[in-house]
Amino acid sequence: QVQLVESGGGLVQAGGSLRLSCAASGRRFSINAMGWYRQAPGKQRELVATITSGGGTNYADSVKGRFTISRDNAKNTVYLQMNSLKPEDTAVYYCNAEILYFGSMSSVSGWGQGTQVTVSS
């Protein structure tokens, strides 16, 4: 019912920057926490950053100080500003959101389709 669509991925040189965005679309819903996860080839998916509805954030140690997560509640959009990118940041990045449908008593976890980030040496 709610779609999460990531954008902003691409190829960048080490030390460069990218900004990912994830927009939620649909009807009769609200978003609680949102987050970014990533998965590199041959590795399990890992948490990158999360942000609560009130703006509280948490980051993986590997990206702390380089990445910034933010959100625009009016647009139902979450962003991930990635600076000082390293080759080890190369992965498919996935948006996650806790979705509460109007009239429902519980939230569900939604995922975007992923966007590829490739950092060259």
PDB file of N, CA and C in Angstrom:
ATOM      1  N   GLN A   1       0.826  -1.203   0.000  1.00  0.00           N
ATOM      2  CA  GLN A   1       0.000   0.000   0.000  1.00  0.00           C
ATOM      3  C   GLN A   1       0.865   1.259   0.000  1.00  0.00           C
ATOM      4  N   VAL A   2       1.907   1.262   0.804  1.00  0.00           N
ATOM      5  CA  VAL A   2       2.872   2.355   0.823  1.00  0.00           C
ATOM      6  C   VAL A   2       4.124   1.910   0.080  1.00  0.00           C
ATOM      7  N   GLN A   3       4.584   2.750  -0.817  1.00  0.00           N
ATOM      8  CA  GLN A   3       5.806   2.485  -1.546  1.00  0.00           C
ATOM      9  C   GLN A   3       6.930   3.375  -1.039  1.00  0.00           C
ATOM     10  N   LEU A   4       8.103   2.789  -0.895  1.00  0.00           N
ATOM     11  CA  LEU A   4       9.308   3.517  -0.540  1.00  0.00           C
ATOM     12  C   LEU A   4      10.260   3.440  -1.723  1.00  0.00           C
ATOM     13  N   VAL A   5      10.640   4.578  -2.238  1.00  0.00           N
ATOM     14  CA  VAL A   5      11.473   4.634  -3.426  1.00  0.00           C
ATOM     15  C   VAL A   5      12.735   5.421  -3.129  1.00  0.00           C
ATOM     16  N   GLU A   6      13.883   4.751  -3.255  1.00  0.00           N
ATOM     17  CA  GLU A   6      15.167   5.395  -3.040  1.00  0.00           C
ATOM     18  C   GLU A   6      15.682   6.010  -4.340  1.00  0.00           C
ATOM     19  N   SER A   7      16.471   7.047  -4.193  1.00  0.00           N
ATOM     20  CA  SER A   7      17.137   7.654  -5.328  1.00  0.00           C
ATOM     21  C   SER A   7      18.415   8.323  -4.849  1.00  0.00           C
ATOM     22  N   GLY A   8      19.273   8.653  -5.782  1.00  0.00           N
ATOM     23  CA  GLY A   8      20.487   9.377  -5.467  1.00  0.00           C
ATOM     24  C   GLY A   8      21.755   8.557  -5.492  1.00  0.00           C
ATOM     25  N   GLY A   9      21.633   7.260  -5.677  1.00  0.00           N
ATOM     26  CA  GLY A   9      22.818   6.433  -5.752  1.00  0.00           C
ATOM     27  C   GLY A   9      23.568   6.659  -7.044  1.00  0.00           C
ATOM     28  N   GLY A  10      24.770   6.129  -7.097  1.00  0.00           N
ATOM     29  CA  GLY A  10      25.586   6.270  -8.286  1.00  0.00           C
ATOM     30  C   GLY A  10      27.022   5.937  -8.020  1.00  0.00           C
ATOM     31  N   LEU A  11      27.858   6.334  -8.949  1.00  0.00           N
ATOM     32  CA  LEU A  11      29.295   6.095  -8.876  1.00  0.00           C
ATOM     33  C   LEU A  11      29.997   7.373  -8.456  1.00  0.00           C
ATOM     34  N   VAL A  12      30.855   7.261  -7.461  1.00  0.00           N
ATOM     35  CA  VAL A  12      31.580   8.414  -6.960  1.00  0.00           C
ATOM     36  C   VAL A  12      32.989   7.983  -6.581  1.00  0.00           C
ATOM     37  N   GLN A  13      33.922   8.899  -6.689  1.00  0.00           N
ATOM     38  CA  GLN A  13      35.296   8.614  -6.289  1.00  0.00           C
ATOM     39  C   GLN A  13      35.443   8.677  -4.777  1.00  0.00           C
ATOM     40  N   ALA A  14      36.413   7.954  -4.275  1.00  0.00           N
ATOM     41  CA  ALA A  14      36.704   8.007  -2.847  1.00  0.00           C
ATOM     42  C   ALA A  14      36.931   9.445  -2.413  1.00  0.00           C
ATOM     43  N   GLY A  15      36.341   9.785  -1.274  1.00  0.00           N
ATOM     44  CA  GLY A  15      36.414  11.139  -0.774  1.00  0.00           C
ATOM     45  C   GLY A  15      35.265  12.019  -1.212  1.00  0.00           C
ATOM     46  N   GLY A  16      34.478  11.545  -2.142  1.00  0.00           N
ATOM     47  CA  GLY A  16      33.356  12.307  -2.642  1.00  0.00           C
ATOM     48  C   GLY A  16      32.122  12.163  -1.786  1.00  0.00           C
ATOM     49  N   SER A  17      31.031  12.742  -2.273  1.00  0.00           N
ATOM     50  CA  SER A  17      29.780  12.772  -1.524  1.00  0.00           C
ATOM     51  C   SER A  17      28.610  12.374  -2.397  1.00  0.00           C
ATOM     52  N   LEU A  18      27.606  11.832  -1.762  1.00  0.00           N
ATOM     53  CA  LEU A  18      26.326  11.537  -2.380  1.00  0.00           C
ATOM     54  C   LEU A  18      25.232  11.810  -1.360  1.00  0.00           C
ATOM     55  N   ARG A  19      24.061  12.140  -1.855  1.00  0.00           N
ATOM     56  CA  ARG A  19      22.904  12.252  -0.984  1.00  0.00           C
ATOM     57  C   ARG A  19      21.797  11.342  -1.496  1.00  0.00           C
ATOM     58  N   LEU A  20      21.414  10.411  -0.665  1.00  0.00           N
ATOM     59  CA  LEU A  20      20.327   9.512  -0.976  1.00  0.00           C
ATOM     60  C   LEU A  20      19.021  10.071  -0.427  1.00  0.00           C
ATOM     61  N   SER A  21      17.950   9.779  -1.114  1.00  0.00           N
ATOM     62  CA  SER A  21      16.641  10.150  -0.622  1.00  0.00           C
ATOM     63  C   SER A  21      15.706   8.962  -0.752  1.00  0.00           C
ATOM     64  N   CYS A  22      14.712   8.936   0.096  1.00  0.00           N
ATOM     65  CA  CYS A  22      13.705   7.890   0.079  1.00  0.00           C
ATOM     66  C   CYS A  22      12.370   8.538   0.376  1.00  0.00           C
ATOM     67  N   ALA A  23      11.470   8.446  -0.563  1.00  0.00           N
ATOM     68  CA  ALA A  23      10.156   9.049  -0.429  1.00  0.00           C
ATOM     69  C   ALA A  23       9.092   7.970  -0.281  1.00  0.00           C
ATOM     70  N   ALA A  24       8.241   8.146   0.697  1.00  0.00           N
ATOM     71  CA  ALA A  24       7.120   7.245   0.921  1.00  0.00           C
ATOM     72  C   ALA A  24       5.867   7.833   0.298  1.00  0.00           C
ATOM     73  N   SER A  25       5.157   7.023  -0.437  1.00  0.00           N
ATOM     74  CA  SER A  25       3.932   7.477  -1.073  1.00  0.00           C
ATOM     75  C   SER A  25       2.820   6.476  -0.828  1.00  0.00           C
ATOM     76  N   GLY A  26       1.625   6.971  -0.777  1.00  0.00           N
ATOM     77  CA  GLY A  26       0.461   6.143  -0.536  1.00  0.00           C
ATOM     78  C   GLY A  26      -0.641   6.974   0.078  1.00  0.00           C
ATOM     79  N   ARG A  27      -1.548   6.293   0.723  1.00  0.00           N
ATOM     80  CA  ARG A  27      -2.687   6.971   1.319  1.00  0.00           C
ATOM     81  C   ARG A  27      -2.943   6.457   2.725  1.00  0.00           C
ATOM     82  N   ARG A  28      -3.405   7.339   3.562  1.00  0.00           N
ATOM     83  CA  ARG A  28      -3.890   6.997   4.894  1.00  0.00           C
ATOM     84  C   ARG A  28      -2.829   6.269   5.708  1.00  0.00           C
ATOM     85  N   PHE A  29      -1.694   6.913   5.865  1.00  0.00           N
ATOM     86  CA  PHE A  29      -0.628   6.340   6.660  1.00  0.00           C
ATOM     87  C   PHE A  29       0.180   7.436   7.317  1.00  0.00           C
ATOM     88  N   SER A  30       0.932   7.051   8.308  1.00  0.00           N
ATOM     89  CA  SER A  30       1.947   7.904   8.893  1.00  0.00           C
ATOM     90  C   SER A  30       3.212   7.081   9.081  1.00  0.00           C
ATOM     91  N   ILE A  31       4.333   7.771   9.211  1.00  0.00           N
ATOM     92  CA  ILE A  31       5.628   7.131   9.339  1.00  0.00           C
ATOM     93  C   ILE A  31       6.202   7.415  10.720  1.00  0.00           C
ATOM     94  N   ASN A  32       6.639   6.372  11.376  1.00  0.00           N
ATOM     95  CA  ASN A  32       7.336   6.547  12.639  1.00  0.00           C
ATOM     96  C   ASN A  32       8.844   6.613  12.373  1.00  0.00           C
ATOM     97  N   ALA A  33       9.593   5.665  12.877  1.00  0.00           N
ATOM     98  CA  ALA A  33      11.031   5.680  12.645  1.00  0.00           C
ATOM     99  C   ALA A  33      11.356   5.346  11.188  1.00  0.00           C
ATOM    100  N   MET A  34      12.466   5.861  10.711  1.00  0.00           N
ATOM    101  CA  MET A  34      12.973   5.550   9.385  1.00  0.00           C
ATOM    102  C   MET A  34      14.457   5.250   9.504  1.00  0.00           C
ATOM    103  N   GLY A  35      14.967   4.538   8.532  1.00  0.00           N
ATOM    104  CA  GLY A  35      16.378   4.208   8.581  1.00  0.00           C
ATOM    105  C   GLY A  35      16.936   3.823   7.236  1.00  0.00           C
ATOM    106  N   TRP A  36      18.253   3.751   7.199  1.00  0.00           N
ATOM    107  CA  TRP A  36      18.979   3.286   6.038  1.00  0.00           C
ATOM    108  C   TRP A  36      19.793   2.059   6.415  1.00  0.00           C
ATOM    109  N   TYR A  37      19.755   1.082   5.550  1.00  0.00           N
ATOM    110  CA  TYR A  37      20.548  -0.129   5.672  1.00  0.00           C
ATOM    111  C   TYR A  37      21.332  -0.319   4.384  1.00  0.00           C
ATOM    112  N   ARG A  38      22.362  -1.133   4.446  1.00  0.00           N
ATOM    113  CA  ARG A  38      23.118  -1.406   3.233  1.00  0.00           C
ATOM    114  C   ARG A  38      23.570  -2.852   3.218  1.00  0.00           C
ATOM    115  N   GLN A  39      23.790  -3.348   2.018  1.00  0.00           N
ATOM    116  CA  GLN A  39      24.235  -4.712   1.841  1.00  0.00           C
ATOM    117  C   GLN A  39      25.251  -4.763   0.709  1.00  0.00           C
ATOM    118  N   ALA A  40      26.447  -5.181   1.053  1.00  0.00           N
ATOM    119  CA  ALA A  40      27.504  -5.374   0.074  1.00  0.00           C
ATOM    120  C   ALA A  40      27.479  -6.816  -0.413  1.00  0.00           C
ATOM    121  N   PRO A  41      28.013  -7.078  -1.604  1.00  0.00           N
ATOM    122  CA  PRO A  41      28.033  -8.452  -2.112  1.00  0.00           C
ATOM    123  C   PRO A  41      28.706  -9.410  -1.144  1.00  0.00           C
ATOM    124  N   GLY A  42      28.049 -10.522  -0.869  1.00  0.00           N
ATOM    125  CA  GLY A  42      28.601 -11.521   0.018  1.00  0.00           C
ATOM    126  C   GLY A  42      28.503 -11.206   1.487  1.00  0.00           C
ATOM    127  N   LYS A  43      27.877 -10.108   1.842  1.00  0.00           N
ATOM    128  CA  LYS A  43      27.741  -9.721   3.237  1.00  0.00           C
ATOM    129  C   LYS A  43      26.268  -9.563   3.603  1.00  0.00           C
ATOM    130  N   GLN A  44      25.997  -9.653   4.881  1.00  0.00           N
ATOM    131  CA  GLN A  44      24.629  -9.477   5.339  1.00  0.00           C
ATOM    132  C   GLN A  44      24.272  -8.002   5.402  1.00  0.00           C
ATOM    133  N   ARG A  45      22.984  -7.744   5.372  1.00  0.00           N
ATOM    134  CA  ARG A  45      22.522  -6.374   5.462  1.00  0.00           C
ATOM    135  C   ARG A  45      22.837  -5.804   6.841  1.00  0.00           C
ATOM    136  N   GLU A  46      23.296  -4.567   6.857  1.00  0.00           N
ATOM    137  CA  GLU A  46      23.650  -3.926   8.102  1.00  0.00           C
ATOM    138  C   GLU A  46      22.975  -2.571   8.224  1.00  0.00           C
ATOM    139  N   LEU A  47      22.733  -2.187   9.449  1.00  0.00           N
ATOM    140  CA  LEU A  47      22.152  -0.887   9.725  1.00  0.00           C
ATOM    141  C   LEU A  47      23.186   0.197   9.502  1.00  0.00           C
ATOM    142  N   VAL A  48      22.770   1.264   8.847  1.00  0.00           N
ATOM    143  CA  VAL A  48      23.629   2.418   8.628  1.00  0.00           C
ATOM    144  C   VAL A  48      23.252   3.553   9.568  1.00  0.00           C
ATOM    145  N   ALA A  49      21.989   3.928   9.567  1.00  0.00           N
ATOM    146  CA  ALA A  49      21.529   5.035  10.392  1.00  0.00           C
ATOM    147  C   ALA A  49      20.026   4.945  10.562  1.00  0.00           C
ATOM    148  N   THR A  50      19.545   5.452  11.673  1.00  0.00           N
ATOM    149  CA  THR A  50      18.113   5.524  11.930  1.00  0.00           C
ATOM    150  C   THR A  50      17.763   6.906  12.435  1.00  0.00           C
ATOM    151  N   ILE A  51      16.505   7.260  12.263  1.00  0.00           N
ATOM    152  CA  ILE A  51      16.014   8.529  12.760  1.00  0.00           C
ATOM    153  C   ILE A  51      14.585   8.340  13.233  1.00  0.00           C
ATOM    154  N   THR A  52      14.289   8.847  14.413  1.00  0.00           N
ATOM    155  CA  THR A  52      12.952   8.740  14.973  1.00  0.00           C
ATOM    156  C   THR A  52      12.061   9.829  14.412  1.00  0.00           C
ATOM    157  N   SER A  53      10.782   9.720  14.713  1.00  0.00           N
ATOM    158  CA  SER A  53       9.847  10.741  14.260  1.00  0.00           C
ATOM    159  C   SER A  53      10.172  12.110  14.839  1.00  0.00           C
ATOM    160  N   GLY A  54      10.795  12.131  16.011  1.00  0.00           N
ATOM    161  CA  GLY A  54      11.179  13.374  16.643  1.00  0.00           C
ATOM    162  C   GLY A  54      12.544  13.892  16.241  1.00  0.00           C
ATOM    163  N   GLY A  55      13.263  13.149  15.410  1.00  0.00           N
ATOM    164  CA  GLY A  55      14.548  13.602  14.920  1.00  0.00           C
ATOM    165  C   GLY A  55      15.758  13.018  15.608  1.00  0.00           C
ATOM    166  N   GLY A  56      15.572  12.133  16.569  1.00  0.00           N
ATOM    167  CA  GLY A  56      16.697  11.481  17.197  1.00  0.00           C
ATOM    168  C   GLY A  56      17.383  10.522  16.248  1.00  0.00           C
ATOM    169  N   THR A  57      18.708  10.485  16.265  1.00  0.00           N
ATOM    170  CA  THR A  57      19.464   9.703  15.288  1.00  0.00           C
ATOM    171  C   THR A  57      20.419   8.734  15.953  1.00  0.00           C
ATOM    172  N   ASN A  58      20.727   7.668  15.228  1.00  0.00           N
ATOM    173  CA  ASN A  58      21.755   6.715  15.605  1.00  0.00           C
ATOM    174  C   ASN A  58      22.496   6.298  14.350  1.00  0.00           C
ATOM    175  N   TYR A  59      23.795   6.034  14.506  1.00  0.00           N
ATOM    176  CA  TYR A  59      24.635   5.694  13.372  1.00  0.00           C
ATOM    177  C   TYR A  59      25.493   4.484  13.679  1.00  0.00           C
ATOM    178  N   ALA A  60      25.764   3.715  12.638  1.00  0.00           N
ATOM    179  CA  ALA A  60      26.772   2.683  12.754  1.00  0.00           C
ATOM    180  C   ALA A  60      28.129   3.330  12.969  1.00  0.00           C
ATOM    181  N   ASP A  61      28.977   2.669  13.746  1.00  0.00           N
ATOM    182  CA  ASP A  61      30.293   3.231  14.020  1.00  0.00           C
ATOM    183  C   ASP A  61      31.086   3.491  12.743  1.00  0.00           C
ATOM    184  N   SER A  62      30.877   2.672  11.734  1.00  0.00           N
ATOM    185  CA  SER A  62      31.650   2.787  10.509  1.00  0.00           C
ATOM    186  C   SER A  62      31.339   4.041   9.708  1.00  0.00           C
ATOM    187  N   VAL A  63      30.190   4.664   9.961  1.00  0.00           N
ATOM    188  CA  VAL A  63      29.809   5.846   9.204  1.00  0.00           C
ATOM    189  C   VAL A  63      29.694   7.083  10.071  1.00  0.00           C
ATOM    190  N   LYS A  64      29.836   6.930  11.356  1.00  0.00           N
ATOM    191  CA  LYS A  64      29.678   8.049  12.276  1.00  0.00           C
ATOM    192  C   LYS A  64      30.680   9.151  11.946  1.00  0.00           C
ATOM    193  N   GLY A  65      30.186  10.367  11.865  1.00  0.00           N
ATOM    194  CA  GLY A  65      31.021  11.500  11.525  1.00  0.00           C
ATOM    195  C   GLY A  65      31.111  11.776  10.043  1.00  0.00           C
ATOM    196  N   ARG A  66      30.675  10.833   9.222  1.00  0.00           N
ATOM    197  CA  ARG A  66      30.717  11.010   7.776  1.00  0.00           C
ATOM    198  C   ARG A  66      29.326  11.098   7.162  1.00  0.00           C
ATOM    199  N   PHE A  67      28.385  10.347   7.710  1.00  0.00           N
ATOM    200  CA  PHE A  67      27.029  10.309   7.178  1.00  0.00           C
ATOM    201  C   PHE A  67      26.087  11.068   8.103  1.00  0.00           C
ATOM    202  N   THR A  68      25.055  11.647   7.519  1.00  0.00           N
ATOM    203  CA  THR A  68      24.033  12.339   8.273  1.00  0.00           C
ATOM    204  C   THR A  68      22.662  11.937   7.755  1.00  0.00           C
ATOM    205  N   ILE A  69      21.825  11.462   8.652  1.00  0.00           N
ATOM    206  CA  ILE A  69      20.460  11.121   8.290  1.00  0.00           C
ATOM    207  C   ILE A  69      19.536  12.260   8.709  1.00  0.00           C
ATOM    208  N   SER A  70      18.560  12.549   7.885  1.00  0.00           N
ATOM    209  CA  SER A  70      17.594  13.590   8.186  1.00  0.00           C
ATOM    210  C   SER A  70      16.261  13.218   7.556  1.00  0.00           C
ATOM    211  N   ARG A  71      15.231  13.953   7.909  1.00  0.00           N
ATOM    212  CA  ARG A  71      13.925  13.657   7.347  1.00  0.00           C
ATOM    213  C   ARG A  71      13.107  14.918   7.193  1.00  0.00           C
ATOM    214  N   ASP A  72      12.185  14.860   6.266  1.00  0.00           N
ATOM    215  CA  ASP A  72      11.224  15.917   6.037  1.00  0.00           C
ATOM    216  C   ASP A  72       9.857  15.274   6.195  1.00  0.00           C
ATOM    217  N   ASN A  73       9.265  15.465   7.345  1.00  0.00           N
ATOM    218  CA  ASN A  73       8.005  14.791   7.633  1.00  0.00           C
ATOM    219  C   ASN A  73       6.876  15.248   6.711  1.00  0.00           C
ATOM    220  N   ALA A  74       6.908  16.504   6.308  1.00  0.00           N
ATOM    221  CA  ALA A  74       5.874  17.011   5.419  1.00  0.00           C
ATOM    222  C   ALA A  74       5.903  16.313   4.067  1.00  0.00           C
ATOM    223  N   LYS A  75       7.087  15.858   3.659  1.00  0.00           N
ATOM    224  CA  LYS A  75       7.239  15.174   2.381  1.00  0.00           C
ATOM    225  C   LYS A  75       7.360  13.668   2.520  1.00  0.00           C
ATOM    226  N   ASN A  76       7.281  13.167   3.747  1.00  0.00           N
ATOM    227  CA  ASN A  76       7.459  11.734   4.006  1.00  0.00           C
ATOM    228  C   ASN A  76       8.735  11.214   3.359  1.00  0.00           C
ATOM    229  N   THR A  77       9.796  11.943   3.570  1.00  0.00           N
ATOM    230  CA  THR A  77      11.064  11.638   2.923  1.00  0.00           C
ATOM    231  C   THR A  77      12.190  11.596   3.947  1.00  0.00           C
ATOM    232  N   VAL A  78      13.069  10.629   3.784  1.00  0.00           N
ATOM    233  CA  VAL A  78      14.264  10.533   4.596  1.00  0.00           C
ATOM    234  C   VAL A  78      15.476  10.659   3.682  1.00  0.00           C
ATOM    235  N   TYR A  79      16.528  11.285   4.191  1.00  0.00           N
ATOM    236  CA  TYR A  79      17.734  11.524   3.419  1.00  0.00           C
ATOM    237  C   TYR A  79      18.931  10.919   4.121  1.00  0.00           C
ATOM    238  N   LEU A  80      19.932  10.615   3.341  1.00  0.00           N
ATOM    239  CA  LEU A  80      21.214  10.192   3.878  1.00  0.00           C
ATOM    240  C   LEU A  80      22.302  10.949   3.133  1.00  0.00           C
ATOM    241  N   GLN A  81      22.893  11.912   3.805  1.00  0.00           N
ATOM    242  CA  GLN A  81      24.014  12.645   3.248  1.00  0.00           C
ATOM    243  C   GLN A  81      25.286  11.881   3.561  1.00  0.00           C
ATOM    244  N   MET A  82      26.002  11.484   2.536  1.00  0.00           N
ATOM    245  CA  MET A  82      27.202  10.674   2.688  1.00  0.00           C
ATOM    246  C   MET A  82      28.400  11.477   2.214  1.00  0.00           C
ATOM    247  N   ASN A  83      29.286  11.780   3.131  1.00  0.00           N
ATOM    248  CA  ASN A  83      30.502  12.523   2.827  1.00  0.00           C
ATOM    249  C   ASN A  83      31.714  11.644   3.075  1.00  0.00           C
ATOM    250  N   SER A  84      32.836  12.055   2.519  1.00  0.00           N
ATOM    251  CA  SER A  84      34.099  11.333   2.699  1.00  0.00           C
ATOM    252  C   SER A  84      33.932   9.847   2.421  1.00  0.00           C
ATOM    253  N   LEU A  85      33.321   9.545   1.304  1.00  0.00           N
ATOM    254  CA  LEU A  85      33.006   8.162   0.978  1.00  0.00           C
ATOM    255  C   LEU A  85      34.266   7.336   0.767  1.00  0.00           C
ATOM    256  N   LYS A  86      34.180   6.089   1.169  1.00  0.00           N
ATOM    257  CA  LYS A  86      35.267   5.137   1.058  1.00  0.00           C
ATOM    258  C   LYS A  86      34.829   3.964   0.199  1.00  0.00           C
ATOM    259  N   PRO A  87      35.767   3.261  -0.427  1.00  0.00           N
ATOM    260  CA  PRO A  87      35.387   2.085  -1.210  1.00  0.00           C
ATOM    261  C   PRO A  87      34.578   1.072  -0.414  1.00  0.00           C
ATOM    262  N   GLU A  88      34.846   0.947   0.864  1.00  0.00           N
ATOM    263  CA  GLU A  88      34.103   0.000   1.686  1.00  0.00           C
ATOM    264  C   GLU A  88      32.655   0.414   1.930  1.00  0.00           C
ATOM    265  N   ASP A  89      32.289   1.629   1.520  1.00  0.00           N
ATOM    266  CA  ASP A  89      30.897   2.046   1.578  1.00  0.00           C
ATOM    267  C   ASP A  89      30.090   1.506   0.407  1.00  0.00           C
ATOM    268  N   THR A  90      30.751   0.905  -0.558  1.00  0.00           N
ATOM    269  CA  THR A  90      30.067   0.364  -1.727  1.00  0.00           C
ATOM    270  C   THR A  90      29.065  -0.702  -1.310  1.00  0.00           C
ATOM    271  N   ALA A  91      27.819  -0.516  -1.699  1.00  0.00           N
ATOM    272  CA  ALA A  91      26.749  -1.430  -1.314  1.00  0.00           C
ATOM    273  C   ALA A  91      25.457  -0.977  -1.972  1.00  0.00           C
ATOM    274  N   VAL A  92      24.458  -1.819  -1.867  1.00  0.00           N
ATOM    275  CA  VAL A  92      23.101  -1.404  -2.169  1.00  0.00           C
ATOM    276  C   VAL A  92      22.503  -0.847  -0.885  1.00  0.00           C
ATOM    277  N   TYR A  93      21.988   0.349  -0.962  1.00  0.00           N
ATOM    278  CA  TYR A  93      21.431   1.017   0.199  1.00  0.00           C
ATOM    279  C   TYR A  93      19.910   0.936   0.153  1.00  0.00           C
ATOM    280  N   TYR A  94      19.338   0.518   1.264  1.00  0.00           N
ATOM    281  CA  TYR A  94      17.902   0.309   1.366  1.00  0.00           C
ATOM    282  C   TYR A  94      17.289   1.237   2.398  1.00  0.00           C
ATOM    283  N   CYS A  95      16.163   1.782   2.048  1.00  0.00           N
ATOM    284  CA  CYS A  95      15.381   2.599   2.957  1.00  0.00           C
ATOM    285  C   CYS A  95      14.409   1.717   3.723  1.00  0.00           C
ATOM    286  N   ASN A  96      14.239   2.009   4.988  1.00  0.00           N
ATOM    287  CA  ASN A  96      13.296   1.293   5.830  1.00  0.00           C
ATOM    288  C   ASN A  96      12.429   2.289   6.580  1.00  0.00           C
ATOM    289  N   ALA A  97      11.170   1.932   6.764  1.00  0.00           N
ATOM    290  CA  ALA A  97      10.258   2.791   7.503  1.00  0.00           C
ATOM    291  C   ALA A  97       9.275   1.954   8.286  1.00  0.00           C
ATOM    292  N   GLU A  98       8.957   2.426   9.463  1.00  0.00           N
ATOM    293  CA  GLU A  98       7.866   1.857  10.236  1.00  0.00           C
ATOM    294  C   GLU A  98       6.597   2.604   9.858  1.00  0.00           C
ATOM    295  N   ILE A  99       5.672   1.891   9.259  1.00  0.00           N
ATOM    296  CA  ILE A  99       4.477   2.475   8.668  1.00  0.00           C
ATOM    297  C   ILE A  99       3.273   2.140   9.523  1.00  0.00           C
ATOM    298  N   LEU A 100       2.522   3.160   9.870  1.00  0.00           N
ATOM    299  CA  LEU A 100       1.284   2.991  10.607  1.00  0.00           C
ATOM    300  C   LEU A 100       0.130   3.413   9.717  1.00  0.00           C
ATOM    301  N   TYR A 101      -0.692   2.464   9.350  1.00  0.00           N
ATOM    302  CA  TYR A 101      -1.858   2.772   8.540  1.00  0.00           C
ATOM    303  C   TYR A 101      -2.984   3.292   9.423  1.00  0.00           C
ATOM    304  N   PHE A 102      -3.686   4.292   8.921  1.00  0.00           N
ATOM    305  CA  PHE A 102      -4.804   4.857   9.671  1.00  0.00           C
ATOM    306  C   PHE A 102      -5.814   3.770   9.993  1.00  0.00           C
ATOM    307  N   GLY A 103      -6.205   3.708  11.250  1.00  0.00           N
ATOM    308  CA  GLY A 103      -7.141   2.696  11.695  1.00  0.00           C
ATOM    309  C   GLY A 103      -6.500   1.430  12.197  1.00  0.00           C
ATOM    310  N   SER A 104      -5.194   1.291  12.020  1.00  0.00           N
ATOM    311  CA  SER A 104      -4.479   0.114  12.483  1.00  0.00           C
ATOM    312  C   SER A 104      -3.904   0.354  13.872  1.00  0.00           C
ATOM    313  N   MET A 105      -3.787  -0.714  14.637  1.00  0.00           N
ATOM    314  CA  MET A 105      -3.244  -0.612  15.984  1.00  0.00           C
ATOM    315  C   MET A 105      -1.753  -0.903  16.042  1.00  0.00           C
ATOM    316  N   SER A 106      -1.184  -1.361  14.960  1.00  0.00           N
ATOM    317  CA  SER A 106       0.224  -1.705  14.957  1.00  0.00           C
ATOM    318  C   SER A 106       0.874  -1.262  13.653  1.00  0.00           C
ATOM    319  N   SER A 107       2.178  -1.059  13.707  1.00  0.00           N
ATOM    320  CA  SER A 107       2.924  -0.639  12.537  1.00  0.00           C
ATOM    321  C   SER A 107       3.522  -1.838  11.816  1.00  0.00           C
ATOM    322  N   VAL A 108       3.881  -1.615  10.567  1.00  0.00           N
ATOM    323  CA  VAL A 108       4.560  -2.621   9.769  1.00  0.00           C
ATOM    324  C   VAL A 108       5.853  -2.032   9.228  1.00  0.00           C
ATOM    325  N   SER A 109       6.789  -2.898   8.936  1.00  0.00           N
ATOM    326  CA  SER A 109       8.075  -2.477   8.423  1.00  0.00           C
ATOM    327  C   SER A 109       8.062  -2.540   6.902  1.00  0.00           C
ATOM    328  N   GLY A 110       8.399  -1.433   6.272  1.00  0.00           N
ATOM    329  CA  GLY A 110       8.457  -1.371   4.826  1.00  0.00           C
ATOM    330  C   GLY A 110       9.866  -1.129   4.334  1.00  0.00           C
ATOM    331  N   TRP A 111      10.153  -1.629   3.142  1.00  0.00           N
ATOM    332  CA  TRP A 111      11.478  -1.518   2.541  1.00  0.00           C
ATOM    333  C   TRP A 111      11.394  -0.974   1.134  1.00  0.00           C
ATOM    334  N   GLY A 112      12.366  -0.169   0.777  1.00  0.00           N
ATOM    335  CA  GLY A 112      12.502   0.272  -0.594  1.00  0.00           C
ATOM    336  C   GLY A 112      13.201  -0.777  -1.430  1.00  0.00           C
ATOM    337  N   GLN A 113      13.326  -0.493  -2.709  1.00  0.00           N
ATOM    338  CA  GLN A 113      13.923  -1.452  -3.637  1.00  0.00           C
ATOM    339  C   GLN A 113      15.438  -1.427  -3.632  1.00  0.00           C
ATOM    340  N   GLY A 114      16.016  -0.405  -3.056  1.00  0.00           N
ATOM    341  CA  GLY A 114      17.458  -0.281  -2.978  1.00  0.00           C
ATOM    342  C   GLY A 114      18.031   0.588  -4.080  1.00  0.00           C
ATOM    343  N   THR A 115      19.128   1.250  -3.769  1.00  0.00           N
ATOM    344  CA  THR A 115      19.855   2.041  -4.743  1.00  0.00           C
ATOM    345  C   THR A 115      21.340   1.748  -4.592  1.00  0.00           C
ATOM    346  N   GLN A 116      22.009   1.568  -5.718  1.00  0.00           N
ATOM    347  CA  GLN A 116      23.411   1.172  -5.715  1.00  0.00           C
ATOM    348  C   GLN A 116      24.313   2.374  -5.482  1.00  0.00           C
ATOM    349  N   VAL A 117      25.227   2.224  -4.552  1.00  0.00           N
ATOM    350  CA  VAL A 117      26.279   3.199  -4.311  1.00  0.00           C
ATOM    351  C   VAL A 117      27.608   2.508  -4.554  1.00  0.00           C
ATOM    352  N   THR A 118      28.387   3.044  -5.468  1.00  0.00           N
ATOM    353  CA  THR A 118      29.692   2.489  -5.781  1.00  0.00           C
ATOM    354  C   THR A 118      30.751   3.566  -5.596  1.00  0.00           C
ATOM    355  N   VAL A 119      31.731   3.281  -4.769  1.00  0.00           N
ATOM    356  CA  VAL A 119      32.806   4.216  -4.479  1.00  0.00           C
ATOM    357  C   VAL A 119      34.092   3.630  -5.043  1.00  0.00           C
ATOM    358  N   SER A 120      34.673   4.322  -5.985  1.00  0.00           N
ATOM    359  CA  SER A 120      35.887   3.853  -6.633  1.00  0.00           C
ATOM    360  C   SER A 120      37.119   4.343  -5.894  1.00  0.00           C
ATOM    361  N   SER A 121      38.201   3.574  -6.014  1.00  0.00           N
ATOM    362  CA  SER A 121      39.456   3.928  -5.365  1.00  0.00           C
ATOM    363  C   SER A 121      40.176   5.026  -6.122  1.00  0.00           C
TER     364      SER A 121
END
